[in-house]
Amino acid sequence: MMAPKAGAIYNLCDDHPAPPEDVIAYAAALLDAPLPPAIAFEQADLGPMAASFYSENKRVSNARIKQELGLTWAYPDYKAGLAAILAQEG
């Protein structure tokens, strides 16, 4: 592994950006569970941090950390990660 550049900012994210509802739908399908009902953002009982997180849509890239530090992910996207969690839970 290479050393990080001083002052550089590295994003840690997976290789498959997706909105939260896609991740929830995939998890429900893996569990063979019904999709939870959608709740309007304004009606959701969210704390300030969660409300801030879900109210913004920020797209980030992990290209720099992968190129400059030579990293690869054990689970390159949320689908692989959720499937691995389910497999470990057995």
N, C-alpha and C. Protein backbone atom coordinates (compact mmCIF):
# COMPACT_ATOMS: atom_id res chain seq x y z
N MET A 1 0.84 -1.18 0.00
CA MET A 1 0.00 0.00 0.00
C MET A 1 0.89 1.24 0.00
N MET A 2 0.50 2.22 -0.76
CA MET A 2 1.25 3.47 -0.83
C MET A 2 0.83 4.41 0.31
N ALA A 3 1.65 5.37 0.61
CA ALA A 3 1.34 6.33 1.67
C ALA A 3 0.42 7.42 1.14
N PRO A 4 -0.52 7.87 1.97
CA PRO A 4 -1.40 8.96 1.53
C PRO A 4 -0.62 10.27 1.38
N LYS A 5 -1.11 11.11 0.50
CA LYS A 5 -0.49 12.42 0.31
C LYS A 5 -0.91 13.34 1.46
N ALA A 6 0.02 14.11 1.98
CA ALA A 6 -0.28 15.04 3.06
C ALA A 6 -1.37 16.02 2.62
N GLY A 7 -2.39 16.15 3.43
CA GLY A 7 -3.47 17.10 3.15
C GLY A 7 -4.52 16.60 2.17
N ALA A 8 -4.32 15.42 1.60
CA ALA A 8 -5.30 14.90 0.64
C ALA A 8 -6.55 14.43 1.38
N ILE A 9 -7.67 14.52 0.69
CA ILE A 9 -8.94 14.03 1.23
C ILE A 9 -9.34 12.81 0.43
N TYR A 10 -9.64 11.74 1.13
CA TYR A 10 -10.02 10.49 0.48
C TYR A 10 -11.44 10.12 0.89
N ASN A 11 -12.28 9.86 -0.11
CA ASN A 11 -13.65 9.43 0.16
C ASN A 11 -13.70 7.91 0.25
N LEU A 12 -14.40 7.42 1.25
CA LEU A 12 -14.64 5.99 1.38
C LEU A 12 -16.11 5.75 1.05
N CYS A 13 -16.32 5.12 -0.06
CA CYS A 13 -17.68 4.81 -0.50
C CYS A 13 -17.59 3.59 -1.41
N ASP A 14 -18.74 3.01 -1.69
CA ASP A 14 -18.69 1.84 -2.56
C ASP A 14 -18.69 2.26 -4.03
N ASP A 15 -18.65 1.26 -4.90
CA ASP A 15 -18.55 1.52 -6.34
C ASP A 15 -19.91 1.60 -7.03
N HIS A 16 -20.99 1.55 -6.26
CA HIS A 16 -22.33 1.55 -6.85
C HIS A 16 -23.21 2.54 -6.10
N PRO A 17 -23.13 3.83 -6.45
CA PRO A 17 -23.96 4.79 -5.74
C PRO A 17 -25.44 4.49 -5.95
N ALA A 18 -26.19 4.62 -4.90
CA ALA A 18 -27.62 4.32 -4.98
C ALA A 18 -28.37 5.11 -3.91
N PRO A 19 -29.59 5.49 -4.20
CA PRO A 19 -30.39 6.16 -3.18
C PRO A 19 -30.79 5.18 -2.09
N PRO A 20 -31.07 5.69 -0.88
CA PRO A 20 -31.40 4.80 0.23
C PRO A 20 -32.54 3.83 -0.07
N GLU A 21 -33.52 4.28 -0.83
CA GLU A 21 -34.66 3.39 -1.10
C GLU A 21 -34.25 2.17 -1.92
N ASP A 22 -33.24 2.30 -2.78
CA ASP A 22 -32.75 1.14 -3.53
C ASP A 22 -32.06 0.15 -2.61
N VAL A 23 -31.29 0.65 -1.67
CA VAL A 23 -30.58 -0.21 -0.72
C VAL A 23 -31.60 -0.95 0.16
N ILE A 24 -32.61 -0.24 0.62
CA ILE A 24 -33.65 -0.86 1.45
C ILE A 24 -34.40 -1.92 0.66
N ALA A 25 -34.74 -1.62 -0.59
CA ALA A 25 -35.46 -2.59 -1.43
C ALA A 25 -34.61 -3.84 -1.66
N TYR A 26 -33.32 -3.66 -1.89
CA TYR A 26 -32.44 -4.81 -2.10
C TYR A 26 -32.34 -5.65 -0.84
N ALA A 27 -32.20 -5.01 0.31
CA ALA A 27 -32.12 -5.73 1.57
C ALA A 27 -33.40 -6.51 1.84
N ALA A 28 -34.54 -5.89 1.59
CA ALA A 28 -35.83 -6.58 1.78
C ALA A 28 -35.92 -7.79 0.87
N ALA A 29 -35.48 -7.65 -0.37
CA ALA A 29 -35.53 -8.77 -1.31
C ALA A 29 -34.61 -9.90 -0.85
N LEU A 30 -33.42 -9.57 -0.36
CA LEU A 30 -32.51 -10.60 0.15
C LEU A 30 -33.13 -11.38 1.29
N LEU A 31 -33.88 -10.68 2.12
CA LEU A 31 -34.51 -11.31 3.29
C LEU A 31 -35.85 -11.93 2.96
N ASP A 32 -36.28 -11.79 1.70
CA ASP A 32 -37.60 -12.23 1.29
C ASP A 32 -38.66 -11.62 2.20
N ALA A 33 -38.47 -10.35 2.49
CA ALA A 33 -39.36 -9.61 3.38
C ALA A 33 -40.09 -8.53 2.57
N PRO A 34 -41.25 -8.13 3.06
CA PRO A 34 -41.95 -7.06 2.34
C PRO A 34 -41.19 -5.74 2.44
N LEU A 35 -41.35 -4.94 1.43
CA LEU A 35 -40.72 -3.62 1.42
C LEU A 35 -41.40 -2.76 2.49
N PRO A 36 -40.62 -2.14 3.36
CA PRO A 36 -41.25 -1.28 4.37
C PRO A 36 -41.99 -0.13 3.69
N PRO A 37 -43.06 0.33 4.30
CA PRO A 37 -43.80 1.44 3.67
C PRO A 37 -42.96 2.71 3.64
N ALA A 38 -43.10 3.45 2.57
CA ALA A 38 -42.39 4.73 2.44
C ALA A 38 -43.09 5.76 3.33
N ILE A 39 -42.29 6.62 3.93
CA ILE A 39 -42.81 7.70 4.77
C ILE A 39 -42.30 9.01 4.17
N ALA A 40 -43.18 9.96 4.03
CA ALA A 40 -42.77 11.27 3.50
C ALA A 40 -41.69 11.85 4.41
N PHE A 41 -40.70 12.47 3.79
CA PHE A 41 -39.58 13.02 4.55
C PHE A 41 -40.07 13.95 5.65
N GLU A 42 -41.04 14.78 5.35
CA GLU A 42 -41.55 15.74 6.32
C GLU A 42 -42.22 15.07 7.51
N GLN A 43 -42.70 13.85 7.32
CA GLN A 43 -43.41 13.13 8.38
C GLN A 43 -42.51 12.17 9.16
N ALA A 44 -41.31 11.96 8.67
CA ALA A 44 -40.40 11.03 9.34
C ALA A 44 -39.90 11.64 10.65
N ASP A 45 -39.80 10.80 11.64
CA ASP A 45 -39.32 11.24 12.96
C ASP A 45 -37.80 11.07 13.00
N LEU A 46 -37.11 12.06 12.42
CA LEU A 46 -35.65 11.99 12.32
C LEU A 46 -35.01 13.03 13.23
N GLY A 47 -33.90 12.64 13.83
CA GLY A 47 -33.12 13.60 14.59
C GLY A 47 -32.42 14.55 13.63
N PRO A 48 -31.82 15.61 14.15
CA PRO A 48 -31.17 16.60 13.28
C PRO A 48 -30.09 16.02 12.37
N MET A 49 -29.27 15.11 12.89
CA MET A 49 -28.20 14.53 12.07
C MET A 49 -28.78 13.68 10.94
N ALA A 50 -29.74 12.84 11.26
CA ALA A 50 -30.35 11.99 10.24
C ALA A 50 -31.09 12.84 9.21
N ALA A 51 -31.80 13.86 9.66
CA ALA A 51 -32.51 14.74 8.73
C ALA A 51 -31.54 15.42 7.78
N SER A 52 -30.41 15.87 8.29
CA SER A 52 -29.41 16.51 7.45
C SER A 52 -28.86 15.52 6.42
N PHE A 53 -28.58 14.29 6.88
CA PHE A 53 -28.03 13.26 6.00
C PHE A 53 -28.99 12.96 4.85
N TYR A 54 -30.26 12.72 5.18
CA TYR A 54 -31.22 12.32 4.16
C TYR A 54 -31.75 13.48 3.33
N SER A 55 -31.57 14.71 3.76
CA SER A 55 -32.07 15.85 3.00
C SER A 55 -31.12 16.26 1.88
N GLU A 56 -29.89 15.78 1.93
CA GLU A 56 -28.90 16.17 0.93
C GLU A 56 -28.57 15.00 0.01
N ASN A 57 -28.17 15.32 -1.19
CA ASN A 57 -27.77 14.31 -2.15
C ASN A 57 -26.36 14.65 -2.59
N LYS A 58 -25.39 14.00 -1.98
CA LYS A 58 -24.00 14.26 -2.32
C LYS A 58 -23.43 13.03 -3.04
N ARG A 59 -22.83 13.29 -4.15
CA ARG A 59 -22.19 12.21 -4.89
C ARG A 59 -20.68 12.32 -4.67
N VAL A 60 -20.09 11.23 -4.29
CA VAL A 60 -18.66 11.21 -4.07
C VAL A 60 -18.05 10.07 -4.88
N SER A 61 -16.76 10.15 -5.06
CA SER A 61 -16.04 9.14 -5.81
C SER A 61 -14.89 8.62 -4.95
N ASN A 62 -14.64 7.33 -5.08
CA ASN A 62 -13.53 6.73 -4.36
C ASN A 62 -12.33 6.52 -5.29
N ALA A 63 -12.35 7.13 -6.46
CA ALA A 63 -11.27 6.91 -7.44
C ALA A 63 -9.91 7.31 -6.88
N ARG A 64 -9.83 8.42 -6.17
CA ARG A 64 -8.54 8.89 -5.66
C ARG A 64 -7.92 7.88 -4.71
N ILE A 65 -8.69 7.40 -3.74
CA ILE A 65 -8.12 6.48 -2.75
C ILE A 65 -7.69 5.17 -3.41
N LYS A 66 -8.45 4.74 -4.39
CA LYS A 66 -8.12 3.50 -5.08
C LYS A 66 -6.88 3.67 -5.96
N GLN A 67 -6.79 4.81 -6.66
CA GLN A 67 -5.65 5.06 -7.54
C GLN A 67 -4.38 5.38 -6.75
N GLU A 68 -4.48 6.30 -5.80
CA GLU A 68 -3.28 6.77 -5.11
C GLU A 68 -2.78 5.80 -4.05
N LEU A 69 -3.69 5.05 -3.43
CA LEU A 69 -3.26 4.14 -2.36
C LEU A 69 -3.35 2.67 -2.78
N GLY A 70 -3.86 2.42 -3.97
CA GLY A 70 -3.92 1.05 -4.47
C GLY A 70 -4.88 0.14 -3.71
N LEU A 71 -5.92 0.73 -3.13
CA LEU A 71 -6.85 -0.07 -2.34
C LEU A 71 -7.93 -0.71 -3.21
N THR A 72 -8.40 -1.84 -2.77
CA THR A 72 -9.58 -2.48 -3.36
C THR A 72 -10.50 -2.86 -2.21
N TRP A 73 -11.75 -2.93 -2.47
CA TRP A 73 -12.73 -3.23 -1.42
C TRP A 73 -13.05 -4.72 -1.39
N ALA A 74 -13.20 -5.24 -0.21
CA ALA A 74 -13.65 -6.63 -0.06
C ALA A 74 -15.07 -6.77 -0.60
N TYR A 75 -15.87 -5.74 -0.41
CA TYR A 75 -17.25 -5.72 -0.88
C TYR A 75 -17.41 -4.42 -1.69
N PRO A 76 -17.24 -4.47 -3.00
CA PRO A 76 -17.19 -3.26 -3.80
C PRO A 76 -18.49 -2.47 -3.93
N ASP A 77 -19.60 -3.08 -3.55
CA ASP A 77 -20.85 -2.34 -3.61
C ASP A 77 -21.80 -2.82 -2.51
N TYR A 78 -22.86 -2.08 -2.31
CA TYR A 78 -23.78 -2.42 -1.22
C TYR A 78 -24.41 -3.79 -1.39
N LYS A 79 -24.61 -4.22 -2.62
CA LYS A 79 -25.21 -5.54 -2.85
C LYS A 79 -24.29 -6.64 -2.34
N ALA A 80 -23.01 -6.56 -2.65
CA ALA A 80 -22.05 -7.56 -2.18
C ALA A 80 -21.93 -7.51 -0.66
N GLY A 81 -21.92 -6.32 -0.10
CA GLY A 81 -21.82 -6.17 1.36
C GLY A 81 -23.02 -6.75 2.08
N LEU A 82 -24.23 -6.43 1.61
CA LEU A 82 -25.43 -6.96 2.26
C LEU A 82 -25.52 -8.48 2.11
N ALA A 83 -25.15 -8.99 0.95
CA ALA A 83 -25.16 -10.44 0.75
C ALA A 83 -24.18 -11.13 1.70
N ALA A 84 -23.01 -10.52 1.91
CA ALA A 84 -22.01 -11.09 2.83
C ALA A 84 -22.52 -11.08 4.26
N ILE A 85 -23.18 -10.00 4.67
CA ILE A 85 -23.75 -9.93 6.02
C ILE A 85 -24.77 -11.05 6.20
N LEU A 86 -25.64 -11.21 5.23
CA LEU A 86 -26.67 -12.26 5.31
C LEU A 86 -26.02 -13.64 5.38
N ALA A 87 -25.00 -13.87 4.57
CA ALA A 87 -24.32 -15.17 4.59
C ALA A 87 -23.67 -15.44 5.93
N GLN A 88 -23.10 -14.42 6.56
CA GLN A 88 -22.46 -14.59 7.87
C GLN A 88 -23.48 -14.85 8.96
N GLU A 89 -24.66 -14.26 8.82
CA GLU A 89 -25.71 -14.45 9.82
C GLU A 89 -26.31 -15.85 9.70
N GLY A 90 -26.20 -16.43 8.50
CA GLY A 90 -26.66 -17.79 8.24
C GLY A 90 -28.10 -17.98 8.51
